[in-house]
Amino acid sequence: MQGRRTSGLTEQIERSVLGIFRQHKRRYGTRRIVAELKSMGLNAGRERVSGILRKYDLKAIQPKSFVPKTTQSPAAMPKSPNLLIDAGPVNRADQVWVGDITYLPLSGNNWGYLSTWLYLESLYRRMASGFTYEGRTGDQII
């Protein structure tokens, strides 16, 4: 009787492992599957789960993280020259302005774009003069 109960439990664990794996679209590896089995009241270790996944030739995938496209110009276009190299030291306020766009990760795999402008009063003092936030990049953010 003990062997039959073990066999039924093994089949239940196997079905559960396959279900969890498919439910999470191949994103769960052995650690997460074991944790989910434990929350379901099923006791199985990583080696057992790994064996089940191997039996069905299943491998968890690691999705590539999204990196926003920072340059929207053709590669043949020339890069902007660094005009500050030959400008000499900053000796008065409002002489040099700089800007930057920062990509902010938001919930739901979305991105926001924060554009800031600074003017340099001296080599060691920068003052923020403005900023804007947009949900997408383009001319309106600059």
Protein backbone atom coordinates (compact mmCIF):
# COMPACT_ATOMS: atom_id res chain seq x y z
CA MET A 1 0.00 0.00 0.00
CA GLN A 2 2.89 2.35 0.78
CA GLY A 3 4.32 2.05 -2.78
CA ARG A 4 0.98 2.96 -4.36
CA ARG A 5 0.65 6.09 -2.20
CA THR A 6 4.22 7.12 -3.08
CA SER A 7 3.52 6.55 -6.78
CA GLY A 8 0.38 8.70 -6.61
CA LEU A 9 2.29 11.43 -4.78
CA THR A 10 5.08 11.27 -7.37
CA GLU A 11 2.55 11.67 -10.19
CA GLN A 12 0.89 14.58 -8.37
CA ILE A 13 4.24 16.32 -7.87
CA GLU A 14 5.14 15.74 -11.52
CA ARG A 15 1.82 17.16 -12.73
CA SER A 16 2.20 20.12 -10.39
CA VAL A 17 5.76 20.86 -11.56
CA LEU A 18 4.67 20.79 -15.20
CA GLY A 19 1.63 22.95 -14.44
CA ILE A 20 3.68 25.55 -12.54
CA PHE A 21 6.28 25.61 -15.30
CA ARG A 22 3.66 26.22 -18.00
CA GLN A 23 1.60 28.63 -15.87
CA HIS A 24 4.61 30.89 -15.46
CA LYS A 25 5.54 30.69 -19.16
CA ARG A 26 8.86 28.88 -18.67
CA ARG A 27 10.15 31.67 -16.41
CA TYR A 28 10.28 29.59 -13.18
CA GLY A 29 13.37 27.54 -12.43
CA THR A 30 13.80 24.87 -9.76
CA ARG A 31 14.02 27.27 -6.80
CA ARG A 32 10.75 29.03 -7.59
CA ILE A 33 8.97 25.80 -8.46
CA VAL A 34 10.07 24.19 -5.17
CA ALA A 35 8.80 27.25 -3.27
CA GLU A 36 5.46 27.11 -5.06
CA LEU A 37 5.14 23.36 -4.42
CA LYS A 38 5.83 23.99 -0.74
CA SER A 39 3.06 26.63 -0.64
CA MET A 40 0.75 23.98 -2.14
CA GLY A 41 1.70 21.54 0.62
CA LEU A 42 3.83 19.30 -1.61
CA ASN A 43 7.31 18.41 -0.45
CA ALA A 44 9.88 18.12 -3.26
CA GLY A 45 13.50 19.22 -3.42
CA ARG A 46 15.37 20.95 -6.20
CA GLU A 47 16.98 17.71 -7.40
CA ARG A 48 13.58 16.08 -7.81
CA VAL A 49 12.15 19.09 -9.66
CA SER A 50 15.27 19.29 -11.79
CA GLY A 51 14.87 15.61 -12.69
CA ILE A 52 11.25 16.12 -13.74
CA LEU A 53 12.18 19.10 -15.91
CA ARG A 54 15.04 17.10 -17.46
CA LYS A 55 12.70 14.16 -18.12
CA TYR A 56 10.52 16.41 -20.30
CA ASP A 57 13.50 18.37 -21.71
CA LEU A 58 12.23 21.63 -20.19
CA LYS A 59 14.53 24.55 -19.40
CA ALA A 60 13.58 27.83 -17.78
CA ILE A 61 14.32 30.92 -19.83
CA GLN A 62 15.77 34.20 -18.62
CA PRO A 63 13.97 37.02 -20.42
CA LYS A 64 16.23 39.76 -21.68
CA SER A 65 15.77 42.97 -19.78
CA PHE A 66 14.51 45.88 -21.84
CA VAL A 67 17.00 48.63 -22.55
CA PRO A 68 15.46 51.76 -24.02
CA LYS A 69 16.77 52.96 -27.34
CA THR A 70 18.80 56.05 -26.56
CA THR A 71 19.72 57.14 -30.06
CA GLN A 72 17.08 57.65 -32.71
CA SER A 73 19.36 59.01 -35.42
CA PRO A 74 20.89 57.05 -38.29
CA ALA A 75 24.40 55.75 -37.63
CA ALA A 76 25.75 57.78 -40.59
CA MET A 77 24.89 61.09 -38.92
CA PRO A 78 27.87 62.79 -37.27
CA LYS A 79 28.06 63.02 -33.49
CA SER A 80 27.82 66.42 -31.86
CA PRO A 81 31.24 67.85 -31.04
CA ASN A 82 32.18 68.66 -27.44
CA LEU A 83 32.16 72.46 -27.53
CA LEU A 84 33.34 72.77 -23.92
CA ILE A 85 36.83 71.38 -24.60
CA ASP A 86 38.08 74.59 -26.21
CA ALA A 87 35.78 77.00 -24.33
CA GLY A 88 38.13 77.56 -21.41
CA PRO A 89 37.07 77.90 -17.76
CA VAL A 90 33.62 79.10 -16.82
CA ASN A 91 34.00 82.55 -15.25
CA ARG A 92 30.43 83.87 -15.09
CA ALA A 93 26.93 82.56 -14.59
CA ASP A 94 24.81 81.76 -17.63
CA GLN A 95 27.90 81.18 -19.78
CA VAL A 96 27.50 77.39 -20.22
CA TRP A 97 24.31 75.36 -20.33
CA VAL A 98 24.10 71.57 -20.36
CA GLY A 99 21.20 69.15 -20.71
CA ASP A 100 20.54 65.50 -20.18
CA ILE A 101 17.78 62.95 -20.66
CA THR A 102 17.41 60.26 -18.00
CA TYR A 103 15.42 57.08 -18.60
CA LEU A 104 13.26 56.16 -15.60
CA PRO A 105 11.89 52.61 -15.25
CA LEU A 106 8.20 52.62 -14.31
CA SER A 107 5.83 49.84 -13.33
CA GLY A 108 4.33 47.67 -16.04
CA ASN A 109 7.59 47.50 -18.03
CA ASN A 110 7.17 51.14 -19.11
CA TRP A 111 9.68 53.97 -19.22
CA GLY A 112 9.52 57.68 -18.51
CA TYR A 113 11.95 60.29 -19.72
CA LEU A 114 13.19 63.16 -17.57
CA SER A 115 14.95 65.99 -19.36
CA THR A 116 16.94 68.50 -17.29
CA TRP A 117 18.83 71.69 -18.05
CA LEU A 118 21.65 73.04 -15.93
CA TYR A 119 23.79 76.12 -16.21
CA LEU A 120 27.28 76.21 -14.86
CA GLU A 121 28.18 79.16 -12.63
CA SER A 122 31.70 77.90 -12.08
CA LEU A 123 33.65 74.71 -12.35
CA TYR A 124 32.18 73.57 -9.03
CA ARG A 125 28.68 75.06 -8.97
CA ARG A 126 25.79 73.90 -11.12
CA MET A 127 22.27 75.28 -10.97
CA ALA A 128 19.19 73.47 -12.24
CA SER A 129 17.16 75.78 -14.42
CA GLY A 130 14.43 73.49 -15.67
CA PHE A 131 13.13 70.03 -16.26
CA THR A 132 10.32 68.24 -18.05
CA TYR A 133 8.88 64.74 -17.95
CA GLU A 134 7.39 62.84 -20.91
CA GLY A 135 6.09 59.33 -21.41
CA ARG A 136 8.04 59.02 -24.66
CA THR A 137 11.09 60.58 -26.30
CA GLY A 138 10.96 62.99 -29.19
CA ASP A 139 11.40 66.66 -30.02
CA GLN A 140 8.83 67.75 -27.44
CA ILE A 141 11.08 66.70 -24.53
CA ILE A 142 14.10 68.73 -25.67
